[in-house]
Protein backbone atom coordinates (compact mmCIF):
# COMPACT_ATOMS: atom_id res chain seq x y z
CA UNK A 1 326.28 11.86 -2.61
CA UNK A 2 327.37 12.45 -6.15
CA UNK A 3 326.92 15.06 -8.93
CA UNK A 4 326.31 12.93 -11.98
CA UNK A 5 329.59 14.10 -13.65
CA UNK A 6 331.37 10.89 -14.74
CA UNK A 7 335.01 10.92 -13.79
CA UNK A 8 336.05 7.85 -15.69
CA UNK A 9 334.96 4.95 -17.88
CA UNK A 10 335.76 1.58 -16.17
CA UNK A 11 335.43 -2.00 -17.36
CA UNK A 12 333.96 -4.88 -15.36
CA UNK A 13 336.72 -7.47 -15.38
CA UNK A 14 335.13 -10.01 -13.10
CA UNK A 15 331.52 -10.66 -12.27
CA UNK A 16 331.24 -13.64 -9.70
CA UNK A 17 327.58 -14.59 -9.09
CA UNK A 18 327.63 -17.04 -6.19
CA UNK A 19 324.44 -17.16 -4.13
CA UNK A 20 321.91 -14.34 -4.35
CA UNK A 21 324.40 -11.52 -4.69
CA UNK A 22 327.60 -10.94 -6.60
CA UNK A 23 331.18 -9.77 -6.30
CA UNK A 24 332.44 -7.50 -9.09
CA UNK A 25 335.80 -6.29 -10.01
CA UNK A 26 336.19 -3.13 -12.07
CA UNK A 27 339.28 -1.85 -13.92
CA UNK A 28 338.92 1.80 -13.00
CA UNK A 29 340.47 3.18 -16.15
CA UNK A 30 341.70 6.78 -15.49
CA UNK A 31 340.02 7.16 -12.08
CA UNK A 32 342.51 8.15 -9.42
CA UNK A 33 342.33 5.55 -6.60
CA UNK A 34 345.09 7.14 -4.58
CA UNK A 35 342.61 8.58 -2.08
CA UNK A 36 340.07 5.61 -2.18
CA UNK A 37 339.73 3.50 0.94
CA UNK A 38 337.82 0.38 1.77
CA UNK A 39 334.33 1.42 2.84
CA UNK A 40 334.29 4.35 0.30
CA UNK A 41 331.32 4.79 -2.07
CA UNK A 42 331.65 4.84 -5.81
CA UNK A 43 328.81 5.35 -8.22
CA UNK A 44 328.89 2.60 -10.86
CA UNK A 45 326.38 3.40 -13.64
CA UNK A 46 324.69 5.60 -11.10
CA UNK A 47 324.40 2.87 -8.46
CA UNK A 48 326.23 3.67 -5.24
CA UNK A 49 328.44 0.61 -4.25
CA UNK A 50 330.89 0.21 -1.43
CA UNK A 51 334.57 -0.60 -2.06
CA UNK A 52 335.45 -3.80 -0.20
CA UNK A 53 338.95 -4.21 -1.73
CA UNK A 54 341.14 -2.33 -4.22
CA UNK A 55 344.67 -1.78 -5.62
CA UNK A 56 346.11 0.91 -7.70
CA UNK A 57 343.92 -0.01 -10.66
CA UNK A 58 341.09 -2.24 -9.65
CA UNK A 59 337.98 -1.91 -7.45
CA UNK A 60 336.11 -4.71 -5.88
CA UNK A 61 332.58 -4.39 -4.61
CA UNK A 62 329.84 -6.65 -3.38
CA UNK A 63 326.36 -6.30 -4.99
CA UNK A 64 323.28 -7.40 -3.08
CA UNK A 65 320.44 -9.34 -4.59
CA UNK A 66 318.22 -6.27 -4.05
CA UNK A 67 320.61 -4.11 -6.12
CA UNK A 68 320.84 -6.65 -8.89
CA UNK A 69 317.03 -6.94 -9.00
CA UNK A 70 316.50 -3.18 -9.07
CA UNK A 71 319.04 -2.02 -11.55
CA UNK A 72 319.94 -2.51 -15.24
CA UNK A 73 322.46 -5.20 -14.38
CA UNK A 74 326.19 -5.67 -14.81
CA UNK A 75 328.19 -8.27 -16.69
CA UNK A 76 331.86 -9.07 -17.47
CA UNK A 77 333.40 -6.76 -19.99
CA UNK A 78 330.68 -4.11 -19.56
CA UNK A 79 331.83 -0.49 -19.75
CA UNK A 80 330.60 1.45 -16.74
CA UNK A 81 330.45 5.13 -15.67
CA UNK A 82 332.41 5.71 -12.48
CA UNK A 83 332.19 8.71 -9.98
CA UNK A 84 333.77 9.07 -6.55
CA UNK A 85 331.57 10.46 -3.81
CA UNK A 86 331.10 14.26 -3.56
CA UNK A 87 333.40 16.17 -1.16
CA UNK A 88 331.93 19.10 0.69
CA UNK A 89 334.19 21.67 -1.16
CA UNK A 90 333.79 20.02 -4.68
CA UNK A 91 332.13 21.77 -7.52
CA UNK A 92 328.59 20.78 -8.18
CA UNK A 93 328.76 20.52 -11.98
CA UNK A 94 325.65 18.42 -12.43
CA UNK A 95 322.98 18.10 -9.76
CA UNK A 96 322.64 16.29 -6.39
CA UNK A 97 322.62 12.56 -7.08
CA UNK A 98 322.16 9.87 -4.29
CA UNK A 99 323.19 6.87 -6.19
CA UNK A 100 319.91 5.21 -5.31
CA UNK A 101 318.46 3.88 -8.56
CA UNK A 102 314.70 4.58 -8.75
CA UNK A 103 313.96 2.27 -11.68
CA UNK A 104 315.07 0.82 -14.98
CA UNK A 105 314.32 2.61 -18.16
CA UNK A 106 314.99 1.66 -21.78
CA UNK A 107 316.23 3.36 -24.82
CA UNK A 108 313.40 4.02 -27.30
CA UNK A 109 315.48 5.73 -30.02
CA UNK A 110 318.83 7.26 -30.83
CA UNK A 111 319.04 9.79 -33.60
CA UNK A 112 321.89 12.07 -34.84
CA UNK A 113 321.33 15.81 -34.37
CA UNK A 114 324.28 17.41 -36.11
CA UNK A 115 327.29 16.47 -34.07
CA UNK A 116 324.97 15.76 -31.05
CA UNK A 117 322.81 12.77 -30.51
CA UNK A 118 319.23 12.79 -29.46
CA UNK A 119 317.89 10.03 -27.07
CA UNK A 120 314.42 8.98 -26.10
CA UNK A 121 314.04 6.97 -22.96
CA UNK A 122 310.98 5.10 -21.66
CA UNK A 123 310.69 4.90 -17.88
CA UNK A 124 308.23 3.33 -15.36
CA UNK A 125 305.06 5.31 -15.44
CA UNK A 126 305.30 5.94 -11.68
CA UNK A 127 308.49 7.97 -12.29
CA UNK A 128 307.32 10.22 -15.02
CA UNK A 129 305.60 12.90 -12.78
CA UNK A 130 309.06 13.62 -11.30
CA UNK A 131 310.61 14.37 -14.75
CA UNK A 132 310.16 17.90 -16.00
CA UNK A 133 311.29 19.86 -19.09
CA UNK A 134 314.49 21.62 -18.44
CA UNK A 135 314.81 19.61 -15.18
CA UNK A 136 317.44 17.08 -14.27
CA UNK A 137 317.48 13.36 -14.37
CA UNK A 138 320.29 10.76 -14.02
CA UNK A 139 320.79 8.12 -16.61
CA UNK A 140 323.45 5.41 -15.85
CA UNK A 141 324.88 7.92 -13.45
CA UNK A 142 325.11 10.79 -15.84
CA UNK A 143 323.39 14.07 -14.98
CA UNK A 144 321.19 15.10 -17.96
CA UNK A 145 318.92 18.03 -18.74
CA UNK A 146 315.47 17.00 -20.04
CA UNK A 147 314.42 18.48 -23.37
CA UNK A 148 310.90 17.00 -23.60
CA UNK A 149 308.53 14.73 -21.67
CA UNK A 150 305.54 12.81 -22.73
CA UNK A 151 303.35 10.12 -20.98
CA UNK A 152 306.16 7.78 -20.20
CA UNK A 153 309.11 8.95 -22.08
CA UNK A 154 311.63 11.86 -22.03
CA UNK A 155 314.12 13.19 -24.50
CA UNK A 156 317.63 14.47 -24.04
CA UNK A 157 320.30 15.85 -26.35
CA UNK A 158 323.95 14.68 -25.72
CA UNK A 159 326.89 16.67 -26.90
CA UNK A 160 330.05 15.02 -28.32
CA UNK A 161 331.90 15.45 -24.99
CA UNK A 162 329.32 13.52 -23.03
CA UNK A 163 329.17 10.75 -25.74
CA UNK A 164 332.99 10.47 -25.54
CA UNK A 165 333.46 10.28 -21.74
CA UNK A 166 330.51 8.16 -20.82
CA UNK A 167 329.05 4.84 -21.93
CA UNK A 168 325.82 6.57 -23.15
CA UNK A 169 327.36 6.87 -26.63
CA UNK A 170 327.28 3.03 -26.97
CA UNK A 171 323.61 2.79 -26.11
CA UNK A 172 321.11 1.50 -28.69
CA UNK A 173 317.29 1.00 -28.87
CA UNK A 174 316.11 -1.53 -26.41
CA UNK A 175 319.05 -1.19 -23.90
CA UNK A 176 318.15 -0.91 -20.21
CA UNK A 177 319.48 1.98 -18.24
CA UNK A 178 319.45 2.99 -14.53
CA UNK A 179 317.26 5.96 -13.78
CA UNK A 180 317.35 8.24 -10.75
CA UNK A 181 314.91 11.08 -10.42
CA UNK A 182 315.90 14.52 -9.07
CA UNK A 183 316.18 14.47 -5.38
CA UNK A 184 314.56 17.82 -5.00
CA UNK A 185 311.38 16.39 -6.70
CA UNK A 186 311.17 13.70 -3.99
CA UNK A 187 311.22 16.17 -1.15
CA UNK A 188 308.74 18.50 -2.82
CA UNK A 189 306.20 15.68 -3.04
CA UNK A 190 306.91 14.50 0.46
CA UNK A 191 306.27 17.92 1.71
CA UNK A 192 303.09 18.44 -0.32
CA UNK A 193 301.49 14.97 0.28
CA UNK A 194 302.94 13.85 3.64
CA UNK A 195 303.13 10.31 2.12
CA UNK A 196 306.59 8.68 2.94
CA UNK A 197 306.07 6.19 0.22
CA UNK A 198 304.75 8.51 -2.40
CA UNK A 199 308.08 8.55 -4.44
CA UNK A 200 308.35 4.81 -4.67
CA UNK A 201 307.95 3.29 -8.11
């Protein structure tokens, strides 16, 4: 479990695609790896991945074909948002995030709003019913508050701090992004409909 509060910007230093899956190595930047062990979960652009090897600076993870197929993708030199798994006594600064990507969205537009920046994202139509104005959504692992929702898009406003400490500030129109809907919305629908597959895109 995560909170959607990015702890460090990392860089993919190696992306080995051999067979259906891949092995990635990430320079963790300022992320403290002193308490990280093999088997721990790290959110990489909002996708929960398992550490298979690491040293004081670098994380290595295996990425399955399923994950590659269902996410926005990774490549060598890409900047990625990193967050270690939530501890029971940690502050919940964002919202509850599982690290299970629900779908891939795309940036529709990016516009300056004073010192801030306004983003519009298009998401798969099946996900839009879970996104509500003033609700929470996760984009590339970042917990965001929704400002507006339309048929298949939603808008957010990002402050300079968020733009500086995440990779969202580098996004441009057309870029793909990992989307995770609010966990609470999934359970509310499950309770109301009784359909175990109702949240699937």
